[in-house]
Each structure stands twice: as structure tokens, then as C-alpha cells.
PDB file of N, CA and C in Angstrom:
ATOM      1  N   MET A   1       8.524  -3.071   0.673  1.00  0.00           N
ATOM      2  CA  MET A   1       7.588  -2.164   0.703  1.00  0.00           C
ATOM      3  C   MET A   1       6.330  -2.689  -0.176  1.00  0.00           C
ATOM      4  N   MET A   2       5.398  -2.743   0.425  1.00  0.00           N
ATOM      5  CA  MET A   2       3.930  -2.970  -0.318  1.00  0.00           C
ATOM      6  C   MET A   2       3.219  -1.996  -0.613  1.00  0.00           C
ATOM      7  N   ARG A   3       2.700  -1.878  -1.924  1.00  0.00           N
ATOM      8  CA  ARG A   3       1.976  -0.791  -2.339  1.00  0.00           C
ATOM      9  C   ARG A   3       0.650  -1.342  -2.729  1.00  0.00           C
ATOM     10  N   LEU A   4      -0.343  -0.312  -2.427  1.00  0.00           N
ATOM     11  CA  LEU A   4      -1.728  -0.596  -2.537  1.00  0.00           C
ATOM     12  C   LEU A   4      -2.287   0.484  -3.473  1.00  0.00           C
ATOM     13  N   ASP A   5      -2.773   0.158  -4.601  1.00  0.00           N
ATOM     14  CA  ASP A   5      -3.542   0.954  -5.617  1.00  0.00           C
ATOM     15  C   ASP A   5      -4.943   0.574  -5.755  1.00  0.00           C
ATOM     16  N   GLN A   6      -6.027   1.684  -5.493  1.00  0.00           N
ATOM     17  CA  GLN A   6      -7.340   1.197  -5.772  1.00  0.00           C
ATOM     18  C   GLN A   6      -7.792   1.814  -7.166  1.00  0.00           C
ATOM     19  N   ILE A   7      -8.617   0.990  -7.866  1.00  0.00           N
ATOM     20  CA  ILE A   7      -9.054   1.554  -9.170  1.00  0.00           C
ATOM     21  C   ILE A   7     -10.698   1.081  -9.235  1.00  0.00           C
ATOM     22  N   GLU A   8     -11.513   2.261  -9.160  1.00  0.00           N
ATOM     23  CA  GLU A   8     -12.907   1.923  -9.243  1.00  0.00           C
ATOM     24  C   GLU A   8     -13.227   1.399 -10.789  1.00  0.00           C
ATOM     25  N   LEU A   9     -13.892   0.284 -10.711  1.00  0.00           N
ATOM     26  CA  LEU A   9     -14.348  -0.245 -12.046  1.00  0.00           C
ATOM     27  C   LEU A   9     -15.777  -0.197 -12.323  1.00  0.00           C
ATOM     28  N   PRO A  10     -16.379  -0.464 -13.440  1.00  0.00           N
ATOM     29  CA  PRO A  10     -17.918  -0.443 -13.682  1.00  0.00           C
ATOM     30  C   PRO A  10     -18.480  -1.285 -12.823  1.00  0.00           C
ATOM     31  N   GLY A  11     -19.747  -0.991 -12.451  1.00  0.00           N
ATOM     32  CA  GLY A  11     -20.709  -2.232 -11.631  1.00  0.00           C
ATOM     33  C   GLY A  11     -20.224  -2.018 -10.154  1.00  0.00           C
ATOM     34  N   ASP A  12     -19.731  -1.078  -9.745  1.00  0.00           N
ATOM     35  CA  ASP A  12     -19.259  -1.046  -8.275  1.00  0.00           C
ATOM     36  C   ASP A  12     -18.416  -2.013  -7.920  1.00  0.00           C
ATOM     37  N   VAL A  13     -17.405  -2.188  -8.763  1.00  0.00           N
ATOM     38  CA  VAL A  13     -16.327  -3.119  -8.585  1.00  0.00           C
ATOM     39  C   VAL A  13     -14.987  -2.518  -8.244  1.00  0.00           C
ATOM     40  N   LEU A  14     -14.388  -2.752  -7.040  1.00  0.00           N
ATOM     41  CA  LEU A  14     -13.190  -2.066  -6.807  1.00  0.00           C
ATOM     42  C   LEU A  14     -11.976  -3.021  -6.884  1.00  0.00           C
ATOM     43  N   LYS A  15     -11.157  -2.544  -7.768  1.00  0.00           N
ATOM     44  CA  LYS A  15      -9.991  -3.165  -8.118  1.00  0.00           C
ATOM     45  C   LYS A  15      -8.860  -2.920  -7.211  1.00  0.00           C
ATOM     46  N   VAL A  16      -8.152  -3.854  -6.386  1.00  0.00           N
ATOM     47  CA  VAL A  16      -7.061  -3.490  -5.634  1.00  0.00           C
ATOM     48  C   VAL A  16      -5.835  -4.120  -6.060  1.00  0.00           C
ATOM     49  N   LYS A  17      -4.896  -3.359  -6.436  1.00  0.00           N
ATOM     50  CA  LYS A  17      -3.431  -3.950  -7.088  1.00  0.00           C
ATOM     51  C   LYS A  17      -2.622  -3.775  -5.910  1.00  0.00           C
ATOM     52  N   LEU A  18      -2.009  -4.955  -5.758  1.00  0.00           N
ATOM     53  CA  LEU A  18      -0.940  -5.081  -4.558  1.00  0.00           C
ATOM     54  C   LEU A  18       0.257  -5.204  -5.287  1.00  0.00           C
ATOM     55  N   THR A  19       1.362  -4.473  -4.997  1.00  0.00           N
ATOM     56  CA  THR A  19       2.697  -4.535  -5.517  1.00  0.00           C
ATOM     57  C   THR A  19       3.603  -4.756  -4.418  1.00  0.00           C
ATOM     58  N   GLY A  20       4.618  -5.801  -4.410  1.00  0.00           N
ATOM     59  CA  GLY A  20       5.458  -6.076  -3.463  1.00  0.00           C
ATOM     60  C   GLY A  20       5.363  -7.162  -2.590  1.00  0.00           C
ATOM     61  N   PRO A  21       6.043  -7.438  -1.557  1.00  0.00           N
ATOM     62  CA  PRO A  21       6.106  -8.393  -0.556  1.00  0.00           C
ATOM     63  C   PRO A  21       4.896  -8.517   0.393  1.00  0.00           C
ATOM     64  N   LEU A  22       3.996  -9.476   0.482  1.00  0.00           N
ATOM     65  CA  LEU A  22       3.019  -9.369   1.525  1.00  0.00           C
ATOM     66  C   LEU A  22       3.471 -10.281   2.769  1.00  0.00           C
ATOM     67  N   ASP A  23       4.488  -9.724   3.284  1.00  0.00           N
ATOM     68  CA  ASP A  23       5.204 -10.234   4.411  1.00  0.00           C
ATOM     69  C   ASP A  23       4.774  -9.498   5.827  1.00  0.00           C
ATOM     70  N   ILE A  24       5.408  -9.674   6.925  1.00  0.00           N
ATOM     71  CA  ILE A  24       5.036  -9.012   8.041  1.00  0.00           C
ATOM     72  C   ILE A  24       4.977  -7.565   7.916  1.00  0.00           C
ATOM     73  N   ALA A  25       5.890  -6.898   7.210  1.00  0.00           N
ATOM     74  CA  ALA A  25       5.857  -5.522   7.044  1.00  0.00           C
ATOM     75  C   ALA A  25       4.882  -4.906   6.006  1.00  0.00           C
ATOM     76  N   GLY A  26       4.694  -5.774   4.903  1.00  0.00           N
ATOM     77  CA  GLY A  26       3.863  -5.503   3.818  1.00  0.00           C
ATOM     78  C   GLY A  26       2.152  -5.616   4.395  1.00  0.00           C
ATOM     79  N   ALA A  27       2.123  -6.680   5.201  1.00  0.00           N
ATOM     80  CA  ALA A  27       0.767  -6.880   5.821  1.00  0.00           C
ATOM     81  C   ALA A  27       0.355  -5.861   6.944  1.00  0.00           C
ATOM     82  N   GLY A  28       1.582  -5.308   7.428  1.00  0.00           N
ATOM     83  CA  GLY A  28       1.270  -4.187   8.385  1.00  0.00           C
ATOM     84  C   GLY A  28       0.896  -2.788   7.584  1.00  0.00           C
ATOM     85  N   GLU A  29       1.562  -2.637   6.640  1.00  0.00           N
ATOM     86  CA  GLU A  29       1.211  -1.446   5.691  1.00  0.00           C
ATOM     87  C   GLU A  29      -0.315  -1.410   4.918  1.00  0.00           C
ATOM     88  N   ILE A  30      -0.769  -2.653   4.831  1.00  0.00           N
ATOM     89  CA  ILE A  30      -2.046  -2.691   4.179  1.00  0.00           C
ATOM     90  C   ILE A  30      -3.347  -3.140   4.900  1.00  0.00           C
ATOM     91  N   ASP A  31      -2.872  -3.416   6.350  1.00  0.00           N
ATOM     92  CA  ASP A  31      -3.957  -3.822   7.060  1.00  0.00           C
ATOM     93  C   ASP A  31      -5.286  -2.845   7.272  1.00  0.00           C
ATOM     94  N   MET A  32      -4.785  -1.725   7.669  1.00  0.00           N
ATOM     95  CA  MET A  32      -5.501  -0.669   7.829  1.00  0.00           C
ATOM     96  C   MET A  32      -6.601  -0.247   6.670  1.00  0.00           C
ATOM     97  N   PRO A  33      -5.771  -0.050   5.486  1.00  0.00           N
ATOM     98  CA  PRO A  33      -6.542   0.314   4.176  1.00  0.00           C
ATOM     99  C   PRO A  33      -7.249  -0.861   3.915  1.00  0.00           C
ATOM    100  N   PHE A  34      -6.933  -2.057   3.942  1.00  0.00           N
ATOM    101  CA  PHE A  34      -7.749  -3.314   3.604  1.00  0.00           C
ATOM    102  C   PHE A  34      -9.092  -3.164   4.461  1.00  0.00           C
ATOM    103  N   SER A  35      -8.955  -2.776   5.718  1.00  0.00           N
ATOM    104  CA  SER A  35     -10.145  -2.782   6.701  1.00  0.00           C
ATOM    105  C   SER A  35     -11.087  -1.924   6.218  1.00  0.00           C
ATOM    106  N   VAL A  36     -10.559  -0.635   5.884  1.00  0.00           N
ATOM    107  CA  VAL A  36     -11.426   0.405   5.297  1.00  0.00           C
ATOM    108  C   VAL A  36     -12.083   0.134   3.797  1.00  0.00           C
ATOM    109  N   ILE A  37     -11.404  -0.608   3.025  1.00  0.00           N
ATOM    110  CA  ILE A  37     -11.958  -1.100   1.795  1.00  0.00           C
ATOM    111  C   ILE A  37     -13.107  -2.234   2.112  1.00  0.00           C
ATOM    112  N   ALA A  38     -12.674  -3.018   2.877  1.00  0.00           N
ATOM    113  CA  ALA A  38     -13.754  -4.160   3.222  1.00  0.00           C
ATOM    114  C   ALA A  38     -15.092  -3.578   4.015  1.00  0.00           C
ATOM    115  N   GLY A  39     -14.856  -2.369   4.480  1.00  0.00           N
ATOM    116  CA  GLY A  39     -15.849  -1.754   5.297  1.00  0.00           C
ATOM    117  C   GLY A  39     -16.990  -1.037   4.437  1.00  0.00           C
ATOM    118  N   HIS A  40     -16.347  -0.573   3.010  1.00  0.00           N
ATOM    119  CA  HIS A  40     -17.278   0.214   2.263  1.00  0.00           C
ATOM    120  C   HIS A  40     -17.474  -0.440   0.796  1.00  0.00           C
ATOM    121  N   ASN A  41     -16.929  -1.447   0.591  1.00  0.00           N
ATOM    122  CA  ASN A  41     -17.198  -2.289  -0.524  1.00  0.00           C
ATOM    123  C   ASN A  41     -17.640  -3.557  -0.693  1.00  0.00           C
ATOM    124  N   ASP A  42     -18.608  -3.961  -1.415  1.00  0.00           N
ATOM    125  CA  ASP A  42     -19.210  -5.204  -1.469  1.00  0.00           C
ATOM    126  C   ASP A  42     -18.645  -6.195  -2.649  1.00  0.00           C
ATOM    127  N   LYS A  43     -17.750  -5.547  -3.541  1.00  0.00           N
ATOM    128  CA  LYS A  43     -17.363  -6.271  -4.783  1.00  0.00           C
ATOM    129  C   LYS A  43     -15.743  -5.807  -4.806  1.00  0.00           C
ATOM    130  N   VAL A  44     -14.987  -6.799  -4.480  1.00  0.00           N
ATOM    131  CA  VAL A  44     -13.625  -6.492  -4.431  1.00  0.00           C
ATOM    132  C   VAL A  44     -12.794  -7.471  -5.202  1.00  0.00           C
ATOM    133  N   ILE A  45     -11.896  -6.909  -6.062  1.00  0.00           N
ATOM    134  CA  ILE A  45     -10.971  -7.918  -6.773  1.00  0.00           C
ATOM    135  C   ILE A  45      -9.599  -7.428  -6.424  1.00  0.00           C
ATOM    136  N   VAL A  46      -8.814  -8.508  -6.136  1.00  0.00           N
ATOM    137  CA  VAL A  46      -7.447  -8.112  -5.541  1.00  0.00           C
ATOM    138  C   VAL A  46      -6.572  -8.762  -6.804  1.00  0.00           C
ATOM    139  N   ASP A  47      -5.767  -7.756  -7.312  1.00  0.00           N
ATOM    140  CA  ASP A  47      -4.767  -8.148  -8.512  1.00  0.00           C
ATOM    141  C   ASP A  47      -3.261  -8.477  -7.669  1.00  0.00           C
ATOM    142  N   PHE A  48      -3.019  -9.711  -7.845  1.00  0.00           N
ATOM    143  CA  PHE A  48      -1.904 -10.574  -7.209  1.00  0.00           C
ATOM    144  C   PHE A  48      -0.522 -10.511  -8.261  1.00  0.00           C
ATOM    145  N   THR A  49      -0.884  -9.968  -9.431  1.00  0.00           N
ATOM    146  CA  THR A  49       0.080 -10.180 -10.384  1.00  0.00           C
ATOM    147  C   THR A  49       1.665  -9.862  -9.896  1.00  0.00           C
ATOM    148  N   ASP A  50       1.818  -8.638  -8.997  1.00  0.00           N
ATOM    149  CA  ASP A  50       2.911  -8.167  -8.748  1.00  0.00           C
ATOM    150  C   ASP A  50       3.173  -8.303  -7.149  1.00  0.00           C
ATOM    151  N   VAL A  51       2.590  -9.347  -6.472  1.00  0.00           N
ATOM    152  CA  VAL A  51       2.892  -9.836  -5.049  1.00  0.00           C
ATOM    153  C   VAL A  51       3.983 -10.678  -5.208  1.00  0.00           C
ATOM    154  N   THR A  52       5.117 -10.431  -4.831  1.00  0.00           N
ATOM    155  CA  THR A  52       6.625 -10.891  -4.847  1.00  0.00           C
ATOM    156  C   THR A  52       6.613 -12.177  -3.691  1.00  0.00           C
ATOM    157  N   PHE A  53       6.019 -12.104  -2.661  1.00  0.00           N
ATOM    158  CA  PHE A  53       6.029 -13.025  -1.525  1.00  0.00           C
ATOM    159  C   PHE A  53       4.732 -12.831  -0.869  1.00  0.00           C
ATOM    160  N   LEU A  54       4.304 -14.210  -0.329  1.00  0.00           N
ATOM    161  CA  LEU A  54       3.026 -14.078   0.464  1.00  0.00           C
ATOM    162  C   LEU A  54       3.183 -14.886   1.769  1.00  0.00           C
ATOM    163  N   ALA A  55       3.009 -14.190   2.954  1.00  0.00           N
ATOM    164  CA  ALA A  55       3.244 -14.820   4.110  1.00  0.00           C
ATOM    165  C   ALA A  55       1.968 -15.159   4.668  1.00  0.00           C
ATOM    166  N   SER A  56       1.938 -15.994   5.940  1.00  0.00           N
ATOM    167  CA  SER A  56       0.646 -16.170   6.515  1.00  0.00           C
ATOM    168  C   SER A  56       0.077 -14.935   7.219  1.00  0.00           C
ATOM    169  N   ILE A  57       0.856 -14.068   7.624  1.00  0.00           N
ATOM    170  CA  ILE A  57       0.159 -12.658   8.239  1.00  0.00           C
ATOM    171  C   ILE A  57      -0.359 -11.954   6.926  1.00  0.00           C
ATOM    172  N   GLY A  58      -0.018 -12.206   5.785  1.00  0.00           N
ATOM    173  CA  GLY A  58      -0.598 -11.513   4.889  1.00  0.00           C
ATOM    174  C   GLY A  58      -1.968 -12.022   4.261  1.00  0.00           C
ATOM    175  N   ILE A  59      -2.111 -13.416   4.363  1.00  0.00           N
ATOM    176  CA  ILE A  59      -3.282 -14.277   4.192  1.00  0.00           C
ATOM    177  C   ILE A  59      -4.369 -13.943   5.161  1.00  0.00           C
ATOM    178  N   ARG A  60      -3.902 -13.559   6.575  1.00  0.00           N
ATOM    179  CA  ARG A  60      -4.900 -13.130   7.438  1.00  0.00           C
ATOM    180  C   ARG A  60      -5.546 -11.764   7.012  1.00  0.00           C
ATOM    181  N   VAL A  61      -4.664 -10.986   6.539  1.00  0.00           N
ATOM    182  CA  VAL A  61      -5.335  -9.666   6.233  1.00  0.00           C
ATOM    183  C   VAL A  61      -6.242  -9.863   5.106  1.00  0.00           C
ATOM    184  N   LEU A  62      -6.261 -10.707   4.148  1.00  0.00           N
ATOM    185  CA  LEU A  62      -7.126 -11.045   3.183  1.00  0.00           C
ATOM    186  C   LEU A  62      -8.371 -11.727   3.699  1.00  0.00           C
ATOM    187  N   VAL A  63      -8.108 -12.797   4.572  1.00  0.00           N
ATOM    188  CA  VAL A  63      -9.311 -13.381   5.183  1.00  0.00           C
ATOM    189  C   VAL A  63     -10.128 -12.606   5.886  1.00  0.00           C
ATOM    190  N   LYS A  64      -9.554 -11.832   6.822  1.00  0.00           N
ATOM    191  CA  LYS A  64     -10.355 -10.871   7.570  1.00  0.00           C
ATOM    192  C   LYS A  64     -11.306  -9.954   6.839  1.00  0.00           C
ATOM    193  N   ALA A  65     -10.636  -9.421   5.545  1.00  0.00           N
ATOM    194  CA  ALA A  65     -11.330  -8.444   4.616  1.00  0.00           C
ATOM    195  C   ALA A  65     -12.488  -9.394   4.053  1.00  0.00           C
ATOM    196  N   ALA A  66     -12.208 -10.521   3.410  1.00  0.00           N
ATOM    197  CA  ALA A  66     -13.229 -11.500   2.763  1.00  0.00           C
ATOM    198  C   ALA A  66     -14.250 -11.741   3.817  1.00  0.00           C
ATOM    199  N   ARG A  67     -13.926 -11.977   4.846  1.00  0.00           N
ATOM    200  CA  ARG A  67     -15.157 -12.439   5.767  1.00  0.00           C
ATOM    201  C   ARG A  67     -15.943 -11.231   6.038  1.00  0.00           C
ATOM    202  N   ALA A  68     -15.442 -10.078   6.295  1.00  0.00           N
ATOM    203  CA  ALA A  68     -16.129  -8.704   6.444  1.00  0.00           C
ATOM    204  C   ALA A  68     -17.087  -8.433   5.349  1.00  0.00           C
ATOM    205  N   ILE A  69     -16.511  -8.622   3.991  1.00  0.00           N
ATOM    206  CA  ILE A  69     -17.455  -8.417   2.916  1.00  0.00           C
ATOM    207  C   ILE A  69     -18.549  -9.361   2.852  1.00  0.00           C
ATOM    208  N   SER A  70     -18.055 -10.700   2.922  1.00  0.00           N
ATOM    209  CA  SER A  70     -19.044 -11.796   2.858  1.00  0.00           C
ATOM    210  C   SER A  70     -20.196 -11.721   3.874  1.00  0.00           C
ATOM    211  N   ARG A  71     -19.960 -10.955   5.004  1.00  0.00           N
ATOM    212  CA  ARG A  71     -21.287 -10.883   5.929  1.00  0.00           C
ATOM    213  C   ARG A  71     -22.247  -9.912   5.402  1.00  0.00           C
ATOM    214  N   ARG A  72     -21.857  -9.121   4.413  1.00  0.00           N
ATOM    215  CA  ARG A  72     -22.814  -8.279   3.698  1.00  0.00           C
ATOM    216  C   ARG A  72     -23.215  -8.749   2.321  1.00  0.00           C
ATOM    217  N   ASN A  73     -22.980 -10.176   2.187  1.00  0.00           N
ATOM    218  CA  ASN A  73     -23.169 -10.736   0.798  1.00  0.00           C
ATOM    219  C   ASN A  73     -22.424 -10.478  -0.291  1.00  0.00           C
ATOM    220  N   GLY A  74     -21.507  -9.671   0.135  1.00  0.00           N
ATOM    221  CA  GLY A  74     -20.412  -9.354  -0.932  1.00  0.00           C
ATOM    222  C   GLY A  74     -19.413 -10.195  -1.350  1.00  0.00           C
ATOM    223  N   ARG A  75     -18.350 -10.177  -2.143  1.00  0.00           N
ATOM    224  CA  ARG A  75     -17.392 -11.064  -2.339  1.00  0.00           C
ATOM    225  C   ARG A  75     -15.968 -10.414  -2.701  1.00  0.00           C
ATOM    226  N   LEU A  76     -14.962 -10.877  -2.140  1.00  0.00           N
ATOM    227  CA  LEU A  76     -13.604 -10.586  -2.420  1.00  0.00           C
ATOM    228  C   LEU A  76     -13.048 -11.726  -3.088  1.00  0.00           C
ATOM    229  N   VAL A  77     -12.213 -11.424  -4.366  1.00  0.00           N
ATOM    230  CA  VAL A  77     -11.770 -12.385  -5.385  1.00  0.00           C
ATOM    231  C   VAL A  77     -10.370 -12.107  -5.541  1.00  0.00           C
ATOM    232  N   VAL A  78      -9.493 -12.903  -5.398  1.00  0.00           N
ATOM    233  CA  VAL A  78      -7.945 -12.791  -5.758  1.00  0.00           C
ATOM    234  C   VAL A  78      -7.808 -13.246  -7.364  1.00  0.00           C
ATOM    235  N   PHE A  79      -7.029 -12.368  -7.943  1.00  0.00           N
ATOM    236  CA  PHE A  79      -6.780 -12.929  -9.380  1.00  0.00           C
ATOM    237  C   PHE A  79      -5.375 -12.748  -9.668  1.00  0.00           C
ATOM    238  N   ASN A  80      -5.045 -13.435 -10.639  1.00  0.00           N
ATOM    239  CA  ASN A  80      -3.654 -13.790 -11.236  1.00  0.00           C
ATOM    240  C   ASN A  80      -2.577 -13.816 -10.100  1.00  0.00           C
ATOM    241  N   PRO A  81      -2.512 -14.737  -9.371  1.00  0.00           N
ATOM    242  CA  PRO A  81      -1.382 -14.960  -8.316  1.00  0.00           C
ATOM    243  C   PRO A  81      -0.217 -15.757  -9.024  1.00  0.00           C
ATOM    244  N   THR A  82       1.055 -15.280  -8.687  1.00  0.00           N
ATOM    245  CA  THR A  82       2.019 -15.999  -9.127  1.00  0.00           C
ATOM    246  C   THR A  82       2.186 -17.373  -8.696  1.00  0.00           C
ATOM    247  N   GLU A  83       2.742 -18.344  -9.237  1.00  0.00           N
ATOM    248  CA  GLU A  83       2.762 -19.861  -8.937  1.00  0.00           C
ATOM    249  C   GLU A  83       2.893 -19.913  -7.644  1.00  0.00           C
ATOM    250  N   ASP A  84       4.144 -19.217  -6.815  1.00  0.00           N
ATOM    251  CA  ASP A  84       4.347 -19.372  -5.611  1.00  0.00           C
ATOM    252  C   ASP A  84       3.140 -18.985  -4.646  1.00  0.00           C
ATOM    253  N   ALA A  85       2.639 -17.654  -4.977  1.00  0.00           N
ATOM    254  CA  ALA A  85       1.471 -17.204  -4.122  1.00  0.00           C
ATOM    255  C   ALA A  85       0.374 -18.331  -4.304  1.00  0.00           C
ATOM    256  N   HIS A  86       0.127 -18.824  -5.324  1.00  0.00           N
ATOM    257  CA  HIS A  86      -0.897 -19.571  -5.598  1.00  0.00           C
ATOM    258  C   HIS A  86      -0.893 -21.030  -4.813  1.00  0.00           C
ATOM    259  N   LYS A  87       0.397 -21.602  -4.865  1.00  0.00           N
ATOM    260  CA  LYS A  87       0.620 -22.573  -3.890  1.00  0.00           C
ATOM    261  C   LYS A  87       0.486 -22.322  -2.504  1.00  0.00           C
ATOM    262  N   VAL A  88       0.761 -21.262  -1.919  1.00  0.00           N
ATOM    263  CA  VAL A  88       0.425 -20.976  -0.521  1.00  0.00           C
ATOM    264  C   VAL A  88      -1.017 -20.834  -0.210  1.00  0.00           C
ATOM    265  N   LEU A  89      -1.621 -20.210  -1.170  1.00  0.00           N
ATOM    266  CA  LEU A  89      -3.098 -20.104  -1.079  1.00  0.00           C
ATOM    267  C   LEU A  89      -3.793 -21.339  -0.904  1.00  0.00           C
ATOM    268  N   ARG A  90      -3.289 -22.347  -1.862  1.00  0.00           N
ATOM    269  CA  ARG A  90      -3.859 -23.658  -2.121  1.00  0.00           C
ATOM    270  C   ARG A  90      -3.528 -24.494  -0.530  1.00  0.00           C
ATOM    271  N   SER A  91      -2.213 -24.508  -0.155  1.00  0.00           N
ATOM    272  CA  SER A  91      -1.712 -25.395   0.789  1.00  0.00           C
ATOM    273  C   SER A  91      -2.247 -24.785   2.135  1.00  0.00           C
ATOM    274  N   THR A  92      -2.688 -23.603   2.425  1.00  0.00           N
ATOM    275  CA  THR A  92      -3.187 -23.244   3.372  1.00  0.00           C
ATOM    276  C   THR A  92      -4.802 -23.303   3.523  1.00  0.00           C
ATOM    277  N   GLY A  93      -5.271 -23.664   2.244  1.00  0.00           N
ATOM    278  CA  GLY A  93      -6.847 -23.739   2.323  1.00  0.00           C
ATOM    279  C   GLY A  93      -7.460 -22.560   2.010  1.00  0.00           C
ATOM    280  N   VAL A  94      -6.667 -21.285   1.979  1.00  0.00           N
ATOM    281  CA  VAL A  94      -7.370 -20.087   1.668  1.00  0.00           C
ATOM    282  C   VAL A  94      -8.303 -20.100   0.627  1.00  0.00           C
ATOM    283  N   ASP A  95      -7.880 -20.772  -0.306  1.00  0.00           N
ATOM    284  CA  ASP A  95      -8.655 -20.843  -1.847  1.00  0.00           C
ATOM    285  C   ASP A  95     -10.074 -21.342  -1.517  1.00  0.00           C
ATOM    286  N   THR A  96     -10.308 -22.020  -0.393  1.00  0.00           N
ATOM    287  CA  THR A  96     -11.760 -22.401   0.090  1.00  0.00           C
ATOM    288  C   THR A  96     -12.412 -21.320   0.676  1.00  0.00           C
ATOM    289  N   ILE A  97     -11.836 -20.317   1.177  1.00  0.00           N
ATOM    290  CA  ILE A  97     -12.533 -19.246   1.710  1.00  0.00           C
ATOM    291  C   ILE A  97     -12.555 -18.091   0.717  1.00  0.00           C
ATOM    292  N   ILE A  98     -11.424 -17.820  -0.058  1.00  0.00           N
ATOM    293  CA  ILE A  98     -11.287 -16.706  -1.004  1.00  0.00           C
ATOM    294  C   ILE A  98     -11.384 -17.277  -2.319  1.00  0.00           C
ATOM    295  N   MET A  99     -11.996 -16.938  -3.339  1.00  0.00           N
ATOM    296  CA  MET A  99     -12.251 -17.508  -4.687  1.00  0.00           C
ATOM    297  C   MET A  99     -10.894 -16.782  -5.362  1.00  0.00           C
ATOM    298  N   VAL A 100     -10.134 -17.863  -5.869  1.00  0.00           N
ATOM    299  CA  VAL A 100      -8.841 -17.569  -6.663  1.00  0.00           C
ATOM    300  C   VAL A 100      -8.975 -17.769  -8.256  1.00  0.00           C
ATOM    301  N   VAL A 101      -8.971 -16.720  -9.065  1.00  0.00           N
ATOM    302  CA  VAL A 101      -9.150 -16.957 -10.387  1.00  0.00           C
ATOM    303  C   VAL A 101      -7.969 -16.550 -11.079  1.00  0.00           C
ATOM    304  N   THR A 102      -7.947 -16.812 -12.516  1.00  0.00           N
ATOM    305  CA  THR A 102      -6.713 -16.741 -13.329  1.00  0.00           C
ATOM    306  C   THR A 102      -6.636 -15.076 -13.863  1.00  0.00           C
ATOM    307  N   ASP A 103      -7.762 -14.306 -13.940  1.00  0.00           N
ATOM    308  CA  ASP A 103      -7.693 -13.115 -14.687  1.00  0.00           C
ATOM    309  C   ASP A 103      -8.752 -12.235 -14.408  1.00  0.00           C
ATOM    310  N   GLU A 104      -8.627 -10.905 -14.653  1.00  0.00           N
ATOM    311  CA  GLU A 104      -9.427  -9.807 -14.064  1.00  0.00           C
ATOM    312  C   GLU A 104     -10.963 -10.060 -14.613  1.00  0.00           C
ATOM    313  N   PRO A 105     -11.185 -10.613 -15.964  1.00  0.00           N
ATOM    314  CA  PRO A 105     -12.733 -10.594 -16.428  1.00  0.00           C
ATOM    315  C   PRO A 105     -13.230 -11.694 -15.443  1.00  0.00           C
ATOM    316  N   SER A 106     -12.628 -12.794 -15.242  1.00  0.00           N
ATOM    317  CA  SER A 106     -13.241 -13.887 -14.304  1.00  0.00           C
ATOM    318  C   SER A 106     -13.481 -13.358 -12.834  1.00  0.00           C
ATOM    319  N   ALA A 107     -12.441 -12.448 -12.305  1.00  0.00           N
ATOM    320  CA  ALA A 107     -12.585 -12.043 -11.028  1.00  0.00           C
ATOM    321  C   ALA A 107     -13.998 -11.051 -10.924  1.00  0.00           C
ATOM    322  N   ILE A 108     -13.971 -10.273 -12.162  1.00  0.00           N
ATOM    323  CA  ILE A 108     -15.133  -9.284 -12.013  1.00  0.00           C
ATOM    324  C   ILE A 108     -16.425 -10.295 -12.297  1.00  0.00           C
ATOM    325  N   ALA A 109     -16.446 -11.155 -13.221  1.00  0.00           N
ATOM    326  CA  ALA A 109     -17.600 -12.063 -13.237  1.00  0.00           C
ATOM    327  C   ALA A 109     -18.023 -12.857 -11.973  1.00  0.00           C
ATOM    328  N   ALA A 110     -17.041 -13.183 -10.975  1.00  0.00           N
ATOM    329  CA  ALA A 110     -17.202 -13.985  -9.828  1.00  0.00           C
ATOM    330  C   ALA A 110     -17.833 -13.053  -8.647  1.00  0.00           C
ATOM    331  N   CYS A 111     -17.794 -11.852  -8.911  1.00  0.00           N
ATOM    332  CA  CYS A 111     -18.252 -10.625  -8.025  1.00  0.00           C
ATOM    333  C   CYS A 111     -19.734 -10.315  -8.312  1.00  0.00           C
ATOM    334  N   SER A 112     -20.088 -10.616  -9.511  1.00  0.00           N
ATOM    335  CA  SER A 112     -21.362 -10.108  -9.981  1.00  0.00           C
ATOM    336  C   SER A 112     -22.495 -11.261  -9.595  1.00  0.00           C
TER     337      SER A 112
END
């Protein structure tokens, strides 16, 4: 079960905290909320601390949102992925499309 929590931060930054596996079921659960987020926010940081698994379908949700945001000159940044999730992001080349940083302050700075 994938959980998605949204926290408004200063400077119009939206923090999205994902918890659980971003597999086929998890991606299905967050696809629509993420599309809404991408449609309404230009600065989105995604907390990957508690993402327990990352599948290619989950990456698709992130890339789709990042592209929608970047079309408006905004930015989606992923921060604090587990070692496994970071390996998946690197090996698939997603880290060339979506900035991946180590912590929340870096993610906020990358959006500004």
C-alpha cells in the first residue's frame, strides 16, 4: 500500500512524502494524485525516505509529473532515496531527467 502525504512549505514548495512500495499497485494509487499535483504546482520535492521498492511503472509516474511541471519552467526533485531506489534511478537514467539529491534543504534549494 502506497501512501502519499502533501505538506505545503514556504516559498510555494510542495513536499510530497511517499511511503511504501512504488510497484504496479503503488503507482496505480498515486498516478491520479500525482497528475493533479503536477498540474497545480511548479516546485515539488518528493521525499523518498520511506519508499521500500521502486519499479519501472513507478518511475513512469514520476517522469510524467516532472515533464508536466518542467513545461511550465517548474521543477520536481526527488530527495533521500534508499540505496536500492537510487540505484534504480541511476541505472534507468531517470536521474538525468529528475534531479535526485540527498536531503530536503538541497531539494528546496534546487527548486528555487
